[in-house]
Amino acid sequence: MLSTGHLPVNYLREGVFAVCMYEKGLIVFQGNNIRRTWFNDEWWFVAVDVIGALTGSKDPAGYLKDMRRRDEGFSQGWGQIATPLKIDTPGGKQQINCVSVKGAFRLIQSVPSPKVEPFKLWLAKVGYERVQEIENPELAQDRAKMYYEEKGYPKEWIEKRLRGIAIRQDLTKEWSERGIKEQRDFDILTNEIAKATFGKTIKEHKEIKGLDNKNKNQNLRDHMNDLELIFNMLGEASTTAITKSRDSEGMKECKKDSKDGGKIAGNARLELEKKTGEKVVSSDNYLGLKKKRLK
């Protein structure tokens, strides 16, 4: 399935229209493989493959050309939707127009085929739910809880995970109000907390758990055990408290806060490991969860 951050089901079935999501980012529509490549830290999909899978057209390139001719706004914004990337073909690597997940959604919105109507309705529903969540943040937490329940996570784990989400939101809000705007900067600060808390970068921690660093569907926090979640929360909550007490501003000061906040959690982790003789960072993950299918 083309994945957004808020999709609480693993399968979507509407008549003959079926979409499945695979861990590696390859998506399949009724047996039609859609080629993809890794670019700018996310998967990009071959546009004509997406069109072919959505419409069943024998000439997806021609179909896409007709779409661009019919939809003036779509045509004028094509340069922002599609990017030529090197893709393996029988004749070797070639530059082919590819779209990100966001771009794929834009393609879906422009396809007039009746096959796509269920997906359009789903997109409208997701958009409406997002507006509801902005107006009432508690709804987002309720939907997140439902998402984890449907994936088969233990109830006690879900409670900790949701608490961690709330603590994370407090921290990112604090950072945003203190001049942190770019996603790259959020990532750097988060990694500083992780290194100080666990003695591992986020990438290293994911590798220990056997997670794919290129797969954004494999969120490290979704594979943490109870203790990892607890120490992660301590590191982020401590960082928030330190940032507020110092009235920090900008990347340099927030970075120091992140290291100091993570160090508090890291010291607690080391003390626990000394007492128990066991490492907190574990290779355990939840990749083997039995996913529930939406009826």
Protein backbone atom coordinates (compact mmCIF):
# COMPACT_ATOMS: atom_id res chain seq x y z
CA MET A 1 0.00 0.00 0.00
CA LEU A 2 1.20 3.51 -0.64
CA SER A 3 1.71 4.54 2.93
CA THR A 4 1.01 7.77 4.77
CA GLY A 5 1.86 8.35 8.40
CA HIS A 6 -1.73 7.63 9.40
CA LEU A 7 -3.06 4.42 7.92
CA PRO A 8 -4.51 2.09 10.59
CA VAL A 9 -5.14 -0.85 8.26
CA ASN A 10 -2.89 -3.28 6.50
CA TYR A 11 -5.19 -4.07 3.63
CA LEU A 12 -7.72 -2.03 1.70
CA ARG A 13 -10.24 -4.02 -0.31
CA GLU A 14 -13.00 -2.42 -2.35
CA GLY A 15 -14.46 -4.72 -5.01
CA VAL A 16 -11.67 -5.76 -7.39
CA PHE A 17 -9.40 -2.94 -6.23
CA ALA A 18 -6.77 -4.30 -3.85
CA VAL A 19 -3.53 -2.77 -2.64
CA CYS A 20 -0.89 -4.41 -0.46
CA MET A 21 2.18 -2.91 1.24
CA TYR A 22 5.50 -4.76 1.33
CA GLU A 23 8.31 -4.13 3.82
CA LYS A 24 10.89 -3.28 1.15
CA GLY A 25 8.82 -0.48 -0.39
CA LEU A 26 7.89 -2.42 -3.55
CA ILE A 27 4.18 -2.02 -4.06
CA VAL A 28 1.98 -4.43 -5.93
CA PHE A 29 -1.42 -3.77 -7.47
CA GLN A 30 -3.16 -7.03 -8.40
CA GLY A 31 0.15 -8.64 -9.32
CA ASN A 32 1.59 -5.64 -11.19
CA ASN A 33 5.06 -4.80 -9.92
CA ILE A 34 5.87 -1.13 -9.64
CA ARG A 35 9.56 -0.35 -10.04
CA ARG A 36 11.09 1.93 -7.46
CA THR A 37 14.41 3.52 -6.51
CA TRP A 38 15.83 5.15 -3.37
CA PHE A 39 16.25 8.92 -3.74
CA ASN A 40 16.41 11.78 -1.20
CA ASP A 41 15.88 9.38 1.71
CA GLU A 42 12.62 7.92 0.39
CA TRP A 43 11.26 5.53 -2.21
CA TRP A 44 10.32 6.91 -5.62
CA PHE A 45 8.11 4.92 -7.99
CA VAL A 46 8.07 4.80 -11.79
CA ALA A 47 5.12 6.99 -12.81
CA VAL A 48 4.01 4.88 -15.82
CA ASP A 49 4.08 1.74 -13.63
CA VAL A 50 1.76 3.41 -11.12
CA ILE A 51 -0.59 4.46 -13.93
CA GLY A 52 -0.52 1.01 -15.49
CA ALA A 53 -1.34 -0.67 -12.19
CA LEU A 54 -4.13 1.79 -11.36
CA THR A 55 -5.84 1.78 -14.75
CA GLY A 56 -4.95 -1.51 -16.40
CA SER A 57 -4.09 0.46 -19.54
CA LYS A 58 -2.08 -1.35 -22.23
CA ASP A 59 -0.38 1.98 -22.99
CA PRO A 60 0.27 3.64 -19.61
CA ALA A 61 2.71 6.14 -21.14
CA GLY A 62 0.02 7.32 -23.54
CA TYR A 63 -2.54 7.35 -20.75
CA LEU A 64 -0.27 9.57 -18.64
CA LYS A 65 0.31 11.87 -21.62
CA ASP A 66 -3.45 12.24 -22.09
CA MET A 67 -3.86 12.97 -18.37
CA ARG A 68 -1.36 15.80 -18.58
CA ARG A 69 -3.13 17.21 -21.61
CA ARG A 70 -6.56 17.10 -19.94
CA ASP A 71 -5.50 18.45 -16.54
CA GLU A 72 -3.84 21.84 -17.02
CA GLY A 73 -2.88 22.22 -13.36
CA PHE A 74 -1.41 18.72 -13.34
CA SER A 75 0.56 19.43 -16.51
CA GLN A 76 1.93 22.77 -15.32
CA GLY A 77 3.03 21.25 -12.02
CA TRP A 78 4.53 18.10 -13.54
CA GLY A 79 8.08 19.28 -12.81
CA GLN A 80 7.26 19.42 -9.09
CA ILE A 81 5.52 16.03 -9.14
CA ALA A 82 7.90 13.88 -11.20
CA THR A 83 11.70 13.59 -11.24
CA PRO A 84 13.74 11.67 -13.87
CA LEU A 85 15.74 8.97 -12.06
CA LYS A 86 17.90 6.06 -13.22
CA ILE A 87 15.90 2.82 -13.36
CA ASP A 88 17.00 -0.66 -14.40
CA THR A 89 15.46 -1.71 -17.71
CA PRO A 90 16.14 -4.63 -20.11
CA GLY A 91 18.34 -2.20 -22.06
CA GLY A 92 20.29 -1.03 -19.01
CA LYS A 93 19.76 1.91 -16.65
CA GLN A 94 17.62 4.68 -18.11
CA GLN A 95 16.25 8.02 -16.90
CA ILE A 96 12.54 7.49 -16.22
CA ASN A 97 10.07 9.85 -14.56
CA CYS A 98 9.45 8.80 -10.97
CA VAL A 99 7.18 10.09 -8.22
CA SER A 100 7.42 10.05 -4.44
CA VAL A 101 4.54 8.73 -2.35
CA LYS A 102 3.15 12.27 -2.29
CA GLY A 103 3.46 12.46 -6.07
CA ALA A 104 1.78 9.06 -6.44
CA PHE A 105 -1.19 10.38 -4.51
CA ARG A 106 -1.35 13.31 -6.93
CA LEU A 107 -1.42 10.84 -9.82
CA ILE A 108 -4.25 8.93 -8.18
CA GLN A 109 -6.27 12.12 -7.79
CA SER A 110 -5.98 12.83 -11.52
CA VAL A 111 -6.88 9.35 -12.80
CA PRO A 112 -10.50 9.30 -14.10
CA SER A 113 -10.75 5.48 -14.05
CA PRO A 114 -13.60 4.01 -11.91
CA LYS A 115 -11.02 1.58 -10.49
CA VAL A 116 -9.42 4.43 -8.57
CA GLU A 117 -12.59 5.83 -6.98
CA PRO A 118 -12.26 3.70 -3.79
CA PHE A 119 -8.73 5.02 -3.30
CA LYS A 120 -9.90 8.61 -3.87
CA LEU A 121 -12.60 8.14 -1.24
CA TRP A 122 -9.97 6.75 1.13
CA LEU A 123 -7.69 9.75 0.51
CA ALA A 124 -10.59 12.12 1.21
CA LYS A 125 -11.32 10.24 4.44
CA VAL A 126 -7.66 10.46 5.53
CA GLY A 127 -7.64 14.20 4.78
CA TYR A 128 -10.83 14.75 6.76
CA GLU A 129 -9.48 12.77 9.70
CA ARG A 130 -6.31 14.88 9.66
CA VAL A 131 -8.40 18.07 9.91
CA GLN A 132 -10.30 16.53 12.83
CA GLU A 133 -7.03 15.69 14.58
CA ILE A 134 -5.77 19.26 14.24
CA GLU A 135 -8.96 20.49 15.87
CA ASN A 136 -8.96 17.74 18.51
CA PRO A 137 -5.48 16.19 19.13
CA GLU A 138 -7.00 13.44 21.31
CA LEU A 139 -8.47 11.88 18.16
CA ALA A 140 -4.95 11.38 16.79
CA GLN A 141 -4.01 9.44 19.92
CA ASP A 142 -7.17 7.33 19.68
CA ARG A 143 -6.39 6.46 16.06
CA ALA A 144 -2.79 5.67 16.91
CA LYS A 145 -3.99 3.31 19.64
CA MET A 146 -6.29 1.59 17.14
CA TYR A 147 -3.42 1.30 14.67
CA TYR A 148 -1.18 -0.46 17.18
CA GLU A 149 -4.00 -2.71 18.39
CA GLU A 150 -4.71 -3.81 14.82
CA LYS A 151 -1.03 -4.63 14.31
CA GLY A 152 -1.15 -6.87 17.37
CA TYR A 153 1.02 -4.95 19.87
CA PRO A 154 0.58 -5.79 23.60
CA LYS A 155 -1.73 -3.45 25.51
CA GLU A 156 0.94 -2.50 28.08
CA TRP A 157 3.41 -1.67 25.29
CA ILE A 158 0.82 0.52 23.53
CA GLU A 159 0.30 2.59 26.68
CA LYS A 160 4.04 3.32 26.91
CA ARG A 161 4.29 4.05 23.19
CA LEU A 162 1.45 6.55 23.30
CA ARG A 163 2.97 8.26 26.32
CA GLY A 164 6.23 8.45 24.40
CA ILE A 165 4.44 10.07 21.47
CA ALA A 166 3.02 12.76 23.78
CA ILE A 167 6.47 13.44 25.27
CA ARG A 168 7.96 13.61 21.77
CA GLN A 169 5.31 16.11 20.68
CA ASP A 170 6.10 18.34 23.67
CA LEU A 171 9.77 18.28 22.71
CA THR A 172 9.30 19.04 19.00
CA LYS A 173 6.88 21.85 19.90
CA GLU A 174 9.53 23.32 22.21
CA TRP A 175 12.17 23.05 19.48
CA SER A 176 9.87 24.67 16.91
CA GLU A 177 9.27 27.63 19.19
CA ARG A 178 13.03 28.05 19.63
CA GLY A 179 13.98 28.35 15.98
CA ILE A 180 14.25 24.72 14.84
CA LYS A 181 12.38 24.52 11.52
CA GLU A 182 14.15 22.14 9.14
CA GLN A 183 13.49 18.38 9.30
CA ARG A 184 17.23 17.77 9.04
CA ASP A 185 17.81 19.75 12.25
CA PHE A 186 15.07 17.82 14.09
CA ASP A 187 16.78 14.61 12.97
CA ILE A 188 20.20 15.79 14.19
CA LEU A 189 18.86 16.77 17.62
CA THR A 190 16.96 13.48 17.97
CA ASN A 191 20.08 11.55 17.09
CA GLU A 192 22.07 13.43 19.75
CA ILE A 193 19.56 12.34 22.40
CA ALA A 194 19.69 8.76 21.12
CA LYS A 195 23.49 8.61 21.19
CA ALA A 196 23.65 9.94 24.74
CA THR A 197 20.77 7.72 25.93
CA PHE A 198 21.69 4.39 24.35
CA GLY A 199 25.31 4.84 23.31
CA LYS A 200 24.14 4.17 19.75
CA THR A 201 23.04 6.33 16.85
CA ILE A 202 19.53 5.74 15.56
CA LYS A 203 21.02 4.00 12.51
CA GLU A 204 23.15 1.69 14.68
CA HIS A 205 20.19 0.94 16.96
CA LYS A 206 18.04 -0.02 13.96
CA GLU A 207 20.78 -2.27 12.61
CA ILE A 208 21.00 -4.10 15.94
CA LYS A 209 17.27 -4.78 15.68
CA GLY A 210 17.54 -5.98 12.11
CA LEU A 211 15.55 -3.04 10.73
CA ASP A 212 16.02 -1.53 7.27
CA ASN A 213 17.36 2.03 7.54
CA LYS A 214 15.87 2.80 4.11
CA ASN A 215 12.40 1.69 5.09
CA LYS A 216 10.51 4.56 6.69
CA ASN A 217 7.71 2.19 7.62
CA GLN A 218 10.10 0.61 10.14
CA ASN A 219 10.09 3.23 12.88
CA LEU A 220 12.70 2.36 15.52
CA ARG A 221 10.36 3.30 18.38
CA ASP A 222 7.78 0.82 17.10
CA HIS A 223 10.34 -1.93 17.74
CA MET A 224 11.65 -0.85 21.14
CA ASN A 225 11.05 -3.04 24.18
CA ASP A 226 9.58 -1.60 27.39
CA LEU A 227 12.90 -0.48 28.86
CA GLU A 228 14.06 1.10 25.61
CA LEU A 229 10.81 3.07 25.43
CA ILE A 230 11.15 4.18 29.05
CA PHE A 231 14.74 5.41 28.66
CA ASN A 232 13.86 7.06 25.34
CA MET A 233 11.06 8.95 27.09
CA LEU A 234 13.40 9.95 29.92
CA GLY A 235 15.95 11.33 27.46
CA GLU A 236 13.40 13.38 25.57
CA ALA A 237 11.50 14.59 28.64
CA SER A 238 14.81 15.62 30.26
CA THR A 239 15.81 17.50 27.09
CA THR A 240 12.50 19.39 27.12
CA ALA A 241 12.93 20.36 30.78
CA ILE A 242 16.54 21.49 30.26
CA THR A 243 15.65 23.50 27.16
CA LYS A 244 12.90 25.31 29.04
CA SER A 245 15.06 25.99 32.11
CA ARG A 246 17.89 27.41 29.99
CA ASP A 247 15.49 29.27 27.69
CA SER A 248 17.62 28.00 24.80
CA GLU A 249 17.42 29.44 21.29
CA GLY A 250 18.70 28.09 18.00
CA MET A 251 20.42 24.94 16.87
CA LYS A 252 23.66 25.28 18.83
CA GLU A 253 21.99 25.67 22.22
CA CYS A 254 19.32 23.05 21.53
CA LYS A 255 22.01 20.59 20.47
CA LYS A 256 23.77 21.01 23.83
CA ASP A 257 20.44 20.52 25.60
CA SER A 258 19.85 17.31 23.62
CA LYS A 259 23.22 15.89 24.62
CA ASP A 260 22.66 16.81 28.27
CA GLY A 261 19.10 15.48 28.33
CA GLY A 262 20.18 12.23 26.72
CA LYS A 263 23.08 11.92 29.15
CA ILE A 264 20.64 11.89 32.09
CA ALA A 265 18.85 8.91 30.54
CA GLY A 266 22.17 7.36 29.54
CA ASN A 267 23.53 7.50 33.09
CA ALA A 268 20.34 5.86 34.38
CA ARG A 269 20.64 3.16 31.72
CA LEU A 270 24.26 2.43 32.64
CA GLU A 271 23.35 2.18 36.33
CA LEU A 272 20.57 -0.30 35.56
CA GLU A 273 22.85 -2.35 33.33
CA LYS A 274 25.43 -2.44 36.13
CA LYS A 275 22.86 -3.72 38.63
CA THR A 276 21.26 -6.30 36.32
CA GLY A 277 24.22 -7.32 34.21
CA GLU A 278 22.05 -7.05 31.11
CA LYS A 279 22.11 -4.57 28.23
CA VAL A 280 19.06 -2.39 27.69
CA VAL A 281 19.53 -2.13 23.93
CA SER A 282 18.11 -5.32 22.51
CA SER A 283 17.92 -7.02 19.14
CA ASP A 284 14.26 -7.82 19.84
CA ASN A 285 11.77 -6.32 17.41
CA TYR A 286 8.11 -6.57 16.47
CA LEU A 287 8.60 -7.55 12.84
CA GLY A 288 6.93 -10.89 13.51
CA LEU A 289 3.64 -9.45 14.72
CA LYS A 290 0.58 -11.05 13.18
CA LYS A 291 -1.20 -8.24 11.41
CA LYS A 292 -4.97 -8.15 11.54
CA ARG A 293 -6.87 -7.77 8.32
CA LEU A 294 -9.65 -5.24 7.99
CA LYS A 295 -12.91 -7.04 7.30
